Amino acid sequence: MSRHPLVKWSQRSDKLFITVELPDAKNVKLNLDPEGKFHFSANAPDNTPYEIDMDLYDKVDVNETKLNLTSRHICYLVKKAESKWWSRLVKQEGKPPVFLKVDWDKWVDEDEQDAKAHSDFGDFDISDLNIGGSGGFDEDGEAADESADIEENKEEEKGTAAASGSTNKDGAGGGGAGKRNRTRSAAATEERWS
């Protein structure tokens, strides 16, 4: 008797992503007919047979179906015959088969599809990411607003050290970290006044 491998799926209005999780699969076969009958079979490395028979929700274009076979899984890109969102992957109503899961890594909601359409990195522009804050670099190669951040951190440390009322036998509040904060704050204060 054959087993069912884990199957993940996601969709766009015009295609389906069906991923069969079966590491190191051998003798991989797919029969897909235009009416949406999906039959997959393969063997695990120990020759255990795996098989899936599903009736997809609607018709598909078998000529546009693509396969990507890796050492960890088998991915199918199945073109829908009609460009529309499906309410589920299989025709069967009710609870889906236990081996069938949504692929949340590839899932895009219907209203977000147009925004994700350009995520293939074809028109990727790193400047759109707004990484590194608003400040640029000065002529020394240092971040332009780095000195302001250092001063702000020193002020926060000073406030944290002053707010700590408890001290241990060394006079450091809250353990060694308090003593280190006080020392850093004292040095920062001396530096400002000299």
C-alpha atoms as a PDB file:
ATOM      1  CA  MET A   1       0.000   0.000   0.000  1.00  0.00           C
ATOM      2  CA  SER A   2       1.321   3.452  -0.868  1.00  0.00           C
ATOM      3  CA  ARG A   3       1.592   6.449   1.437  1.00  0.00           C
ATOM      4  CA  HIS A   4       0.718  10.101   0.917  1.00  0.00           C
ATOM      5  CA  PRO A   5       3.546  12.637   1.044  1.00  0.00           C
ATOM      6  CA  LEU A   6       2.945  16.104   2.492  1.00  0.00           C
ATOM      7  CA  VAL A   7       1.596  18.439  -0.199  1.00  0.00           C
ATOM      8  CA  LYS A   8       1.683  22.231   0.143  1.00  0.00           C
ATOM      9  CA  TRP A   9      -0.150  24.570  -2.184  1.00  0.00           C
ATOM     10  CA  SER A  10      -0.674  28.253  -2.882  1.00  0.00           C
ATOM     11  CA  GLN A  11      -2.131  30.212  -5.769  1.00  0.00           C
ATOM     12  CA  ARG A  12      -2.292  33.350  -7.833  1.00  0.00           C
ATOM     13  CA  SER A  13      -5.214  34.219 -10.055  1.00  0.00           C
ATOM     14  CA  ASP A  14      -3.589  32.508 -13.052  1.00  0.00           C
ATOM     15  CA  LYS A  15      -1.495  29.670 -11.526  1.00  0.00           C
ATOM     16  CA  LEU A  16      -1.040  27.159  -8.720  1.00  0.00           C
ATOM     17  CA  PHE A  17       2.084  26.243  -6.797  1.00  0.00           C
ATOM     18  CA  ILE A  18       1.953  22.599  -5.676  1.00  0.00           C
ATOM     19  CA  THR A  19       4.923  21.341  -3.660  1.00  0.00           C
ATOM     20  CA  VAL A  20       5.302  17.658  -2.795  1.00  0.00           C
ATOM     21  CA  GLU A  21       7.583  17.198   0.219  1.00  0.00           C
ATOM     22  CA  LEU A  22       9.434  13.972  -0.551  1.00  0.00           C
ATOM     23  CA  PRO A  23      13.232  14.128  -0.071  1.00  0.00           C
ATOM     24  CA  ASP A  24      15.390  12.185  -2.556  1.00  0.00           C
ATOM     25  CA  ALA A  25      12.368  10.954  -4.530  1.00  0.00           C
ATOM     26  CA  LYS A  26      12.915   8.389  -7.302  1.00  0.00           C
ATOM     27  CA  ASN A  27      10.730   7.449 -10.274  1.00  0.00           C
ATOM     28  CA  VAL A  28       8.723  10.676 -10.086  1.00  0.00           C
ATOM     29  CA  LYS A  29       5.632  10.628 -12.311  1.00  0.00           C
ATOM     30  CA  LEU A  30       2.868  13.159 -12.786  1.00  0.00           C
ATOM     31  CA  ASN A  31      -0.288  12.682 -14.777  1.00  0.00           C
ATOM     32  CA  LEU A  32      -2.326  15.824 -15.125  1.00  0.00           C
ATOM     33  CA  ASP A  33      -5.331  16.122 -17.393  1.00  0.00           C
ATOM     34  CA  PRO A  34      -7.081  19.314 -18.540  1.00  0.00           C
ATOM     35  CA  GLU A  35     -10.103  18.560 -16.351  1.00  0.00           C
ATOM     36  CA  GLY A  36      -7.873  18.863 -13.270  1.00  0.00           C
ATOM     37  CA  LYS A  37      -7.170  15.245 -12.405  1.00  0.00           C
ATOM     38  CA  PHE A  38      -3.781  15.299 -10.595  1.00  0.00           C
ATOM     39  CA  HIS A  39      -1.993  11.960 -10.116  1.00  0.00           C
ATOM     40  CA  PHE A  40       1.498  11.898  -8.576  1.00  0.00           C
ATOM     41  CA  SER A  41       3.614   8.861  -7.774  1.00  0.00           C
ATOM     42  CA  ALA A  42       7.212   8.373  -6.642  1.00  0.00           C
ATOM     43  CA  ASN A  43       9.378   6.183  -4.472  1.00  0.00           C
ATOM     44  CA  ALA A  44      11.321   7.170  -1.380  1.00  0.00           C
ATOM     45  CA  PRO A  45      15.021   6.166  -1.199  1.00  0.00           C
ATOM     46  CA  ASP A  46      13.991   2.994   0.680  1.00  0.00           C
ATOM     47  CA  ASN A  47      11.595   2.187  -2.232  1.00  0.00           C
ATOM     48  CA  THR A  48       8.475   3.000  -0.209  1.00  0.00           C
ATOM     49  CA  PRO A  49       5.807   4.006  -2.752  1.00  0.00           C
ATOM     50  CA  TYR A  50       4.088   7.381  -2.382  1.00  0.00           C
ATOM     51  CA  GLU A  51       1.000   8.374  -4.332  1.00  0.00           C
ATOM     52  CA  ILE A  52      -1.503  11.228  -4.577  1.00  0.00           C
ATOM     53  CA  ASP A  53      -4.778  11.348  -6.481  1.00  0.00           C
ATOM     54  CA  MET A  54      -6.633  14.664  -6.402  1.00  0.00           C
ATOM     55  CA  ASP A  55      -9.347  16.281  -8.437  1.00  0.00           C
ATOM     56  CA  LEU A  56      -8.323  19.927  -8.672  1.00  0.00           C
ATOM     57  CA  TYR A  57     -11.006  22.550  -8.174  1.00  0.00           C
ATOM     58  CA  ASP A  58     -11.184  23.583 -11.849  1.00  0.00           C
ATOM     59  CA  LYS A  59      -9.593  23.019 -15.255  1.00  0.00           C
ATOM     60  CA  VAL A  60      -5.879  23.557 -15.916  1.00  0.00           C
ATOM     61  CA  ASP A  61      -3.600  24.106 -18.908  1.00  0.00           C
ATOM     62  CA  VAL A  62      -1.411  20.986 -18.978  1.00  0.00           C
ATOM     63  CA  ASN A  63       0.874  22.422 -21.692  1.00  0.00           C
ATOM     64  CA  GLU A  64       1.969  25.276 -19.411  1.00  0.00           C
ATOM     65  CA  THR A  65       2.712  23.094 -16.363  1.00  0.00           C
ATOM     66  CA  LYS A  66       6.320  23.231 -15.163  1.00  0.00           C
ATOM     67  CA  LEU A  67       8.297  20.963 -12.850  1.00  0.00           C
ATOM     68  CA  ASN A  68      11.204  21.705 -10.509  1.00  0.00           C
ATOM     69  CA  LEU A  69      12.720  18.616  -8.919  1.00  0.00           C
ATOM     70  CA  THR A  70      15.131  19.204  -6.013  1.00  0.00           C
ATOM     71  CA  SER A  71      16.664  16.855  -3.456  1.00  0.00           C
ATOM     72  CA  ARG A  72      14.076  17.898  -0.851  1.00  0.00           C
ATOM     73  CA  HIS A  73      10.834  18.336  -2.798  1.00  0.00           C
ATOM     74  CA  ILE A  74       9.053  18.402  -6.132  1.00  0.00           C
ATOM     75  CA  CYS A  75       7.473  21.726  -7.155  1.00  0.00           C
ATOM     76  CA  TYR A  76       4.808  22.049  -9.813  1.00  0.00           C
ATOM     77  CA  LEU A  77       3.739  25.332 -11.360  1.00  0.00           C
ATOM     78  CA  VAL A  78       0.301  24.611 -12.816  1.00  0.00           C
ATOM     79  CA  LYS A  79      -1.352  27.155 -15.096  1.00  0.00           C
ATOM     80  CA  LYS A  80      -5.090  27.570 -14.542  1.00  0.00           C
ATOM     81  CA  ALA A  81      -7.282  27.325 -17.646  1.00  0.00           C
ATOM     82  CA  GLU A  82      -9.240  30.364 -16.486  1.00  0.00           C
ATOM     83  CA  SER A  83      -7.621  33.216 -14.577  1.00  0.00           C
ATOM     84  CA  LYS A  84      -9.622  33.351 -11.337  1.00  0.00           C
ATOM     85  CA  TRP A  85      -9.133  32.663  -7.635  1.00  0.00           C
ATOM     86  CA  TRP A  86     -10.119  29.235  -6.361  1.00  0.00           C
ATOM     87  CA  SER A  87     -11.779  28.852  -2.974  1.00  0.00           C
ATOM     88  CA  ARG A  88      -9.815  25.611  -2.399  1.00  0.00           C
ATOM     89  CA  LEU A  89      -7.391  23.326  -4.234  1.00  0.00           C
ATOM     90  CA  VAL A  90      -9.600  20.255  -4.583  1.00  0.00           C
ATOM     91  CA  LYS A  91     -13.205  19.796  -5.741  1.00  0.00           C
ATOM     92  CA  GLN A  92     -14.057  17.848  -2.620  1.00  0.00           C
ATOM     93  CA  GLU A  93     -15.963  20.087  -0.219  1.00  0.00           C
ATOM     94  CA  GLY A  94     -15.466  19.994   3.520  1.00  0.00           C
ATOM     95  CA  LYS A  95     -12.260  19.191   5.309  1.00  0.00           C
ATOM     96  CA  PRO A  96      -9.261  18.773   2.959  1.00  0.00           C
ATOM     97  CA  PRO A  97      -7.160  15.597   3.060  1.00  0.00           C
ATOM     98  CA  VAL A  98      -4.752  15.441   6.014  1.00  0.00           C
ATOM     99  CA  PHE A  99      -1.676  15.483   3.759  1.00  0.00           C
ATOM    100  CA  LEU A 100      -2.735  18.753   2.080  1.00  0.00           C
ATOM    101  CA  LYS A 101      -1.528  22.021   3.646  1.00  0.00           C
ATOM    102  CA  VAL A 102      -1.388  25.675   2.618  1.00  0.00           C
ATOM    103  CA  ASP A 103       2.091  26.866   1.670  1.00  0.00           C
ATOM    104  CA  TRP A 104       2.203  30.093   3.702  1.00  0.00           C
ATOM    105  CA  ASP A 105       5.700  30.883   2.395  1.00  0.00           C
ATOM    106  CA  LYS A 106       4.284  31.371  -1.103  1.00  0.00           C
ATOM    107  CA  TRP A 107       0.763  32.462  -0.226  1.00  0.00           C
ATOM    108  CA  VAL A 108      -0.462  35.851  -1.431  1.00  0.00           C
ATOM    109  CA  ASP A 109      -3.942  37.159  -0.738  1.00  0.00           C
ATOM    110  CA  GLU A 110      -6.129  38.063  -3.667  1.00  0.00           C
ATOM    111  CA  ASP A 111      -5.979  41.795  -2.908  1.00  0.00           C
ATOM    112  CA  GLU A 112      -2.168  41.727  -2.530  1.00  0.00           C
ATOM    113  CA  GLN A 113      -1.397  39.918  -5.776  1.00  0.00           C
ATOM    114  CA  ASP A 114      -0.621  43.016  -7.832  1.00  0.00           C
ATOM    115  CA  ALA A 115       1.800  44.303  -5.203  1.00  0.00           C
ATOM    116  CA  LYS A 116       3.623  40.950  -5.134  1.00  0.00           C
ATOM    117  CA  ALA A 117       3.697  40.594  -8.922  1.00  0.00           C
ATOM    118  CA  HIS A 118       7.009  42.473  -9.079  1.00  0.00           C
ATOM    119  CA  SER A 119       8.692  40.413  -6.351  1.00  0.00           C
ATOM    120  CA  ASP A 120      10.648  38.321  -8.845  1.00  0.00           C
ATOM    121  CA  PHE A 121      13.538  40.823  -8.439  1.00  0.00           C
ATOM    122  CA  GLY A 122      13.322  41.749 -12.118  1.00  0.00           C
ATOM    123  CA  ASP A 123      12.917  45.440 -11.291  1.00  0.00           C
ATOM    124  CA  PHE A 124      14.691  45.335  -7.920  1.00  0.00           C
ATOM    125  CA  ASP A 125      16.086  48.650  -6.664  1.00  0.00           C
ATOM    126  CA  ILE A 126      17.940  48.541  -3.334  1.00  0.00           C
ATOM    127  CA  SER A 127      17.395  52.256  -2.757  1.00  0.00           C
ATOM    128  CA  ASP A 128      13.688  51.514  -2.253  1.00  0.00           C
ATOM    129  CA  LEU A 129      14.501  49.543   0.898  1.00  0.00           C
ATOM    130  CA  ASN A 130      15.419  52.638   2.963  1.00  0.00           C
ATOM    131  CA  ILE A 131      18.115  50.766   4.861  1.00  0.00           C
ATOM    132  CA  GLY A 132      20.497  52.637   7.124  1.00  0.00           C
ATOM    133  CA  GLY A 133      18.385  55.599   8.138  1.00  0.00           C
ATOM    134  CA  SER A 134      18.172  59.027   6.621  1.00  0.00           C
ATOM    135  CA  GLY A 135      21.769  60.129   7.245  1.00  0.00           C
ATOM    136  CA  GLY A 136      24.468  59.561   4.670  1.00  0.00           C
ATOM    137  CA  PHE A 137      28.197  59.321   5.183  1.00  0.00           C
ATOM    138  CA  ASP A 138      30.556  62.208   5.813  1.00  0.00           C
ATOM    139  CA  GLU A 139      33.975  62.587   4.220  1.00  0.00           C
ATOM    140  CA  ASP A 140      35.592  60.317   6.877  1.00  0.00           C
ATOM    141  CA  GLY A 141      33.319  57.411   5.945  1.00  0.00           C
ATOM    142  CA  GLU A 142      31.503  57.740   9.279  1.00  0.00           C
ATOM    143  CA  ALA A 143      27.741  57.888   9.464  1.00  0.00           C
ATOM    144  CA  ALA A 144      26.745  61.545   9.542  1.00  0.00           C
ATOM    145  CA  ASP A 145      24.465  61.198  12.551  1.00  0.00           C
ATOM    146  CA  GLU A 146      26.637  58.702  14.470  1.00  0.00           C
ATOM    147  CA  SER A 147      27.984  61.234  17.001  1.00  0.00           C
ATOM    148  CA  ALA A 148      24.453  62.314  17.921  1.00  0.00           C
ATOM    149  CA  ASP A 149      23.513  58.660  18.526  1.00  0.00           C
ATOM    150  CA  ILE A 150      26.570  58.156  20.779  1.00  0.00           C
ATOM    151  CA  GLU A 151      25.697  61.221  22.858  1.00  0.00           C
ATOM    152  CA  GLU A 152      22.077  60.052  23.128  1.00  0.00           C
ATOM    153  CA  ASN A 153      23.217  56.593  24.323  1.00  0.00           C
ATOM    154  CA  LYS A 154      25.489  58.188  26.930  1.00  0.00           C
ATOM    155  CA  GLU A 155      22.577  60.241  28.246  1.00  0.00           C
ATOM    156  CA  GLU A 156      20.378  57.115  28.445  1.00  0.00           C
ATOM    157  CA  GLU A 157      23.107  55.233  30.327  1.00  0.00           C
ATOM    158  CA  LYS A 158      23.500  58.121  32.720  1.00  0.00           C
ATOM    159  CA  GLY A 159      19.773  58.205  33.356  1.00  0.00           C
ATOM    160  CA  THR A 160      19.635  54.422  33.842  1.00  0.00           C
ATOM    161  CA  ALA A 161      22.528  54.472  36.315  1.00  0.00           C
ATOM    162  CA  ALA A 162      20.992  57.351  38.301  1.00  0.00           C
ATOM    163  CA  ALA A 163      17.561  55.699  38.373  1.00  0.00           C
ATOM    164  CA  SER A 164      18.990  52.493  39.864  1.00  0.00           C
ATOM    165  CA  GLY A 165      18.669  52.925  43.626  1.00  0.00           C
ATOM    166  CA  SER A 166      19.903  49.495  44.693  1.00  0.00           C
ATOM    167  CA  THR A 167      23.595  48.849  45.144  1.00  0.00           C
ATOM    168  CA  ASN A 168      25.622  45.779  45.957  1.00  0.00           C
ATOM    169  CA  LYS A 169      28.691  45.588  48.236  1.00  0.00           C
ATOM    170  CA  ASP A 170      30.864  47.163  45.494  1.00  0.00           C
ATOM    171  CA  GLY A 171      28.508  50.112  45.233  1.00  0.00           C
ATOM    172  CA  ALA A 172      27.312  49.067  41.773  1.00  0.00           C
ATOM    173  CA  GLY A 173      23.594  49.108  41.198  1.00  0.00           C
ATOM    174  CA  GLY A 174      22.142  45.856  39.873  1.00  0.00           C
ATOM    175  CA  GLY A 175      25.471  44.008  39.663  1.00  0.00           C
ATOM    176  CA  GLY A 176      28.494  44.688  37.483  1.00  0.00           C
ATOM    177  CA  ALA A 177      26.477  46.248  34.651  1.00  0.00           C
ATOM    178  CA  GLY A 178      25.463  49.185  36.885  1.00  0.00           C
ATOM    179  CA  LYS A 179      29.058  49.899  37.834  1.00  0.00           C
ATOM    180  CA  ARG A 180      30.063  49.762  34.181  1.00  0.00           C
ATOM    181  CA  ASN A 181      27.235  52.186  33.290  1.00  0.00           C
ATOM    182  CA  ARG A 182      28.241  54.607  36.033  1.00  0.00           C
ATOM    183  CA  THR A 183      31.879  54.507  34.968  1.00  0.00           C
ATOM    184  CA  ARG A 184      30.952  55.139  31.338  1.00  0.00           C
ATOM    185  CA  SER A 185      28.609  57.971  32.302  1.00  0.00           C
ATOM    186  CA  ALA A 186      31.196  59.562  34.598  1.00  0.00           C
ATOM    187  CA  ALA A 187      33.799  59.416  31.838  1.00  0.00           C
ATOM    188  CA  ALA A 188      31.335  60.938  29.391  1.00  0.00           C
ATOM    189  CA  THR A 189      30.561  63.767  31.833  1.00  0.00           C
ATOM    190  CA  GLU A 190      34.267  64.465  32.436  1.00  0.00           C
ATOM    191  CA  GLU A 191      34.834  64.476  28.683  1.00  0.00           C
ATOM    192  CA  ARG A 192      32.104  67.080  28.151  1.00  0.00           C
ATOM    193  CA  TRP A 193      33.397  69.430  30.873  1.00  0.00           C
ATOM    194  CA  SER A 194      37.058  69.308  29.936  1.00  0.00           C
END
